[in-house]
Amino acid sequence: MRHLIALATAVALPQLALAVGTETDAPPKPTETSSCEDGLVWDEDAGKCVAPKESSLTDDELYEAARELAYAGRLSDTLHVLAAMSDQQDARVLTYKGFVARGMGDMEGAETFYQAALSANPDNLLARSYMGQGFVEQGRIEEAFDQLVEIRARGGEGGWPAEALETAILTGSTTTY
């Protein structure tokens, strides 16, 4: 409880427009992928929507497509795109798999993915923020606050991951898209 009081007095944040997968509050710029259905992505080379594994997209481009779809709340489609990325142990892939699991109500699975992402990269502030938000959803406020402390200690003060988790702790409202 003292953590909440200290946080509330130190931070008076307005409700943020929170963006998935970034350290800013700017939403991803919609691309042609937004018009693709059934887990497909836009492939500029092919000039049409294609299955992610059959696309000419790089892992970085697939990551941006996954971010775009996650922001739009298309969680199943996000998983299709993530599955096409070459390194399934990449911290970005694991973080997004955790986000999708949390969005689908699988809190245990989400925590497993976040922990794996943090094993791959302990400085993954986004995974820490999303995991902390999951803790808030479960009423595990002390554990959420511990993640906020870690984010700050790792240089994340004032960035999106810290602000989103601070807001979640203070309001009980988390990133849901």
Protein backbone atom coordinates (compact mmCIF):
# COMPACT_ATOMS: atom_id res chain seq x y z
CA MET A 1 0.00 0.00 0.00
CA ARG A 2 2.85 2.40 0.76
CA HIS A 3 4.10 1.85 -2.80
CA LEU A 4 0.75 2.99 -4.16
CA ILE A 5 0.69 6.07 -1.96
CA ALA A 6 4.25 6.98 -2.96
CA LEU A 7 3.44 6.43 -6.60
CA ALA A 8 0.23 8.41 -6.44
CA THR A 9 1.95 11.40 -4.87
CA ALA A 10 4.90 11.23 -7.26
CA VAL A 11 2.88 10.78 -10.42
CA ALA A 12 -0.28 12.49 -11.54
CA LEU A 13 -0.75 11.16 -15.06
CA PRO A 14 -3.72 11.76 -17.34
CA GLN A 15 -5.17 8.74 -19.11
CA LEU A 16 -2.79 7.96 -21.98
CA ALA A 17 -3.52 6.85 -25.51
CA LEU A 18 -1.25 3.84 -25.27
CA ALA A 19 0.42 2.24 -28.26
CA VAL A 20 1.28 -1.43 -28.42
CA GLY A 21 4.92 -2.33 -28.93
CA THR A 22 6.55 1.05 -28.73
CA GLU A 23 8.08 3.36 -26.20
CA THR A 24 5.96 6.30 -27.40
CA ASP A 25 2.24 6.91 -27.26
CA ALA A 26 2.04 7.24 -31.06
CA PRO A 27 -0.05 4.54 -32.71
CA PRO A 28 1.47 2.55 -35.56
CA LYS A 29 0.87 4.00 -38.99
CA PRO A 30 -1.74 1.84 -40.76
CA THR A 31 -0.50 0.13 -43.91
CA GLU A 32 -2.11 -2.09 -46.51
CA THR A 33 -1.74 -4.94 -43.99
CA SER A 34 -4.72 -3.42 -42.12
CA SER A 35 -6.92 -4.34 -45.07
CA CYS A 36 -5.68 -7.95 -45.20
CA GLU A 37 -7.84 -10.63 -43.59
CA ASP A 38 -7.30 -14.01 -41.98
CA GLY A 39 -3.77 -13.42 -40.69
CA LEU A 40 -2.41 -12.28 -44.06
CA VAL A 41 0.04 -9.41 -44.57
CA TRP A 42 0.56 -7.05 -47.45
CA ASP A 43 3.52 -8.03 -49.60
CA GLU A 44 4.66 -5.11 -51.72
CA ASP A 45 6.63 -7.40 -54.04
CA ALA A 46 3.59 -9.59 -54.72
CA GLY A 47 1.19 -6.63 -54.75
CA LYS A 48 -1.35 -8.45 -52.62
CA CYS A 49 -2.11 -9.95 -49.22
CA VAL A 50 -0.24 -13.20 -48.63
CA ALA A 51 0.44 -15.63 -45.81
CA PRO A 52 3.24 -14.22 -43.65
CA LYS A 53 5.47 -17.29 -44.18
CA GLU A 54 5.12 -16.88 -47.94
CA SER A 55 5.84 -13.15 -47.94
CA SER A 56 9.04 -11.36 -48.87
CA LEU A 57 8.92 -9.42 -45.60
CA THR A 58 11.95 -9.32 -43.32
CA ASP A 59 11.62 -10.11 -39.63
CA ASP A 60 11.62 -6.38 -38.86
CA GLU A 61 8.79 -5.84 -41.35
CA LEU A 62 6.88 -8.78 -39.92
CA TYR A 63 7.37 -7.30 -36.45
CA GLU A 64 5.87 -4.00 -37.62
CA ALA A 65 2.95 -5.88 -39.20
CA ALA A 66 2.39 -7.78 -35.93
CA ARG A 67 2.46 -4.47 -34.04
CA GLU A 68 -0.07 -2.96 -36.45
CA LEU A 69 -2.42 -5.93 -36.10
CA ALA A 70 -2.06 -6.06 -32.30
CA TYR A 71 -2.89 -2.35 -32.10
CA ALA A 72 -6.03 -3.03 -34.14
CA GLY A 73 -7.02 -5.74 -31.64
CA ARG A 74 -6.52 -8.52 -34.18
CA LEU A 75 -4.81 -10.86 -31.75
CA SER A 76 -5.20 -14.13 -33.69
CA ASP A 77 -3.84 -12.44 -36.82
CA THR A 78 -0.93 -11.15 -34.75
CA LEU A 79 -0.04 -14.73 -33.81
CA HIS A 80 0.00 -15.77 -37.48
CA VAL A 81 2.48 -13.01 -38.27
CA LEU A 82 4.66 -13.79 -35.25
CA ALA A 83 4.81 -17.46 -36.29
CA ALA A 84 6.46 -16.40 -39.56
CA MET A 85 9.39 -14.69 -37.85
CA SER A 86 12.60 -16.69 -38.15
CA ASP A 87 13.64 -16.61 -34.47
CA GLN A 88 10.80 -17.72 -32.22
CA GLN A 89 13.00 -17.06 -29.17
CA ASP A 90 13.47 -13.39 -30.16
CA ALA A 91 12.46 -11.21 -27.20
CA ARG A 92 10.11 -9.20 -29.46
CA VAL A 93 8.26 -12.37 -30.53
CA LEU A 94 7.99 -13.61 -26.94
CA THR A 95 6.79 -10.20 -25.72
CA TYR A 96 4.03 -10.08 -28.31
CA LYS A 97 3.03 -13.67 -27.66
CA GLY A 98 2.67 -12.66 -24.02
CA PHE A 99 0.59 -9.63 -24.99
CA VAL A 100 -1.70 -11.80 -27.14
CA ALA A 101 -2.06 -14.45 -24.43
CA ARG A 102 -2.96 -11.74 -21.89
CA GLY A 103 -5.44 -10.21 -24.33
CA MET A 104 -7.07 -13.62 -24.75
CA GLY A 105 -7.32 -14.09 -20.99
CA ASP A 106 -4.48 -16.60 -20.60
CA MET A 107 -2.64 -14.87 -17.77
CA GLU A 108 -0.47 -17.89 -16.93
CA GLY A 109 0.64 -18.25 -20.55
CA ALA A 110 1.28 -14.52 -20.79
CA GLU A 111 3.53 -14.55 -17.74
CA THR A 112 5.45 -17.52 -19.15
CA PHE A 113 6.09 -15.64 -22.42
CA TYR A 114 7.08 -12.44 -20.59
CA GLN A 115 9.52 -14.36 -18.36
CA ALA A 116 11.05 -15.98 -21.45
CA ALA A 117 11.36 -12.56 -23.11
CA LEU A 118 13.11 -11.23 -20.00
CA SER A 119 15.44 -14.24 -19.95
CA ALA A 120 16.40 -13.37 -23.53
CA ASN A 121 16.76 -9.67 -22.70
CA PRO A 122 16.47 -8.49 -19.07
CA ASP A 123 16.30 -4.88 -20.32
CA ASN A 124 13.11 -5.54 -22.30
CA LEU A 125 11.10 -2.71 -20.81
CA LEU A 126 8.02 -3.46 -22.89
CA ALA A 127 7.81 -7.03 -21.55
CA ARG A 128 8.22 -5.66 -18.02
CA SER A 129 5.43 -3.14 -18.57
CA TYR A 130 3.03 -5.66 -20.09
CA MET A 131 3.80 -8.21 -17.38
CA GLY A 132 3.22 -5.54 -14.73
CA GLN A 133 -0.07 -4.63 -16.35
CA GLY A 134 -1.05 -8.29 -16.19
CA PHE A 135 -0.21 -8.25 -12.50
CA VAL A 136 -2.49 -5.22 -12.07
CA GLU A 137 -5.32 -7.11 -13.81
CA GLN A 138 -4.82 -9.93 -11.30
CA GLY A 139 -4.66 -7.60 -8.30
CA ARG A 140 -0.95 -8.33 -7.79
CA ILE A 141 -0.07 -4.66 -7.28
CA GLU A 142 3.18 -5.22 -5.35
CA GLU A 143 4.55 -7.35 -8.19
CA ALA A 144 3.43 -4.72 -10.72
CA PHE A 145 5.23 -2.06 -8.71
CA ASP A 146 8.37 -4.25 -8.65
CA GLN A 147 8.33 -4.25 -12.45
CA LEU A 148 7.95 -0.47 -12.48
CA VAL A 149 10.99 -0.18 -10.22
CA GLU A 150 12.93 -2.44 -12.63
CA ILE A 151 11.86 -0.35 -15.63
CA ARG A 152 13.06 2.82 -13.91
CA ALA A 153 16.32 1.19 -12.77
CA ARG A 154 17.01 0.12 -16.36
CA GLY A 155 16.70 3.66 -17.71
CA GLY A 156 13.03 3.64 -18.63
CA GLU A 157 11.85 6.58 -16.51
CA GLY A 158 9.49 8.76 -18.55
CA GLY A 159 9.17 6.28 -21.45
CA TRP A 160 6.00 4.57 -22.61
CA PRO A 161 6.58 1.33 -20.66
CA ALA A 162 6.96 3.20 -17.36
CA GLU A 163 4.09 5.60 -18.03
CA ALA A 164 1.71 2.81 -19.10
CA LEU A 165 2.49 0.75 -16.02
CA GLU A 166 2.26 3.78 -13.72
CA THR A 167 -1.17 4.55 -15.17
CA ALA A 168 -2.27 0.93 -14.76
CA ILE A 169 -1.19 0.87 -11.13
CA LEU A 170 -2.91 4.15 -10.37
CA THR A 171 -6.13 3.57 -12.30
CA GLY A 172 -6.46 -0.19 -12.62
CA SER A 173 -6.90 0.38 -16.38
CA THR A 174 -4.51 -1.53 -18.65
CA THR A 175 -3.60 -1.68 -22.33
CA THR A 176 -6.31 -3.85 -23.85
CA TYR A 177 -5.66 -3.72 -27.58
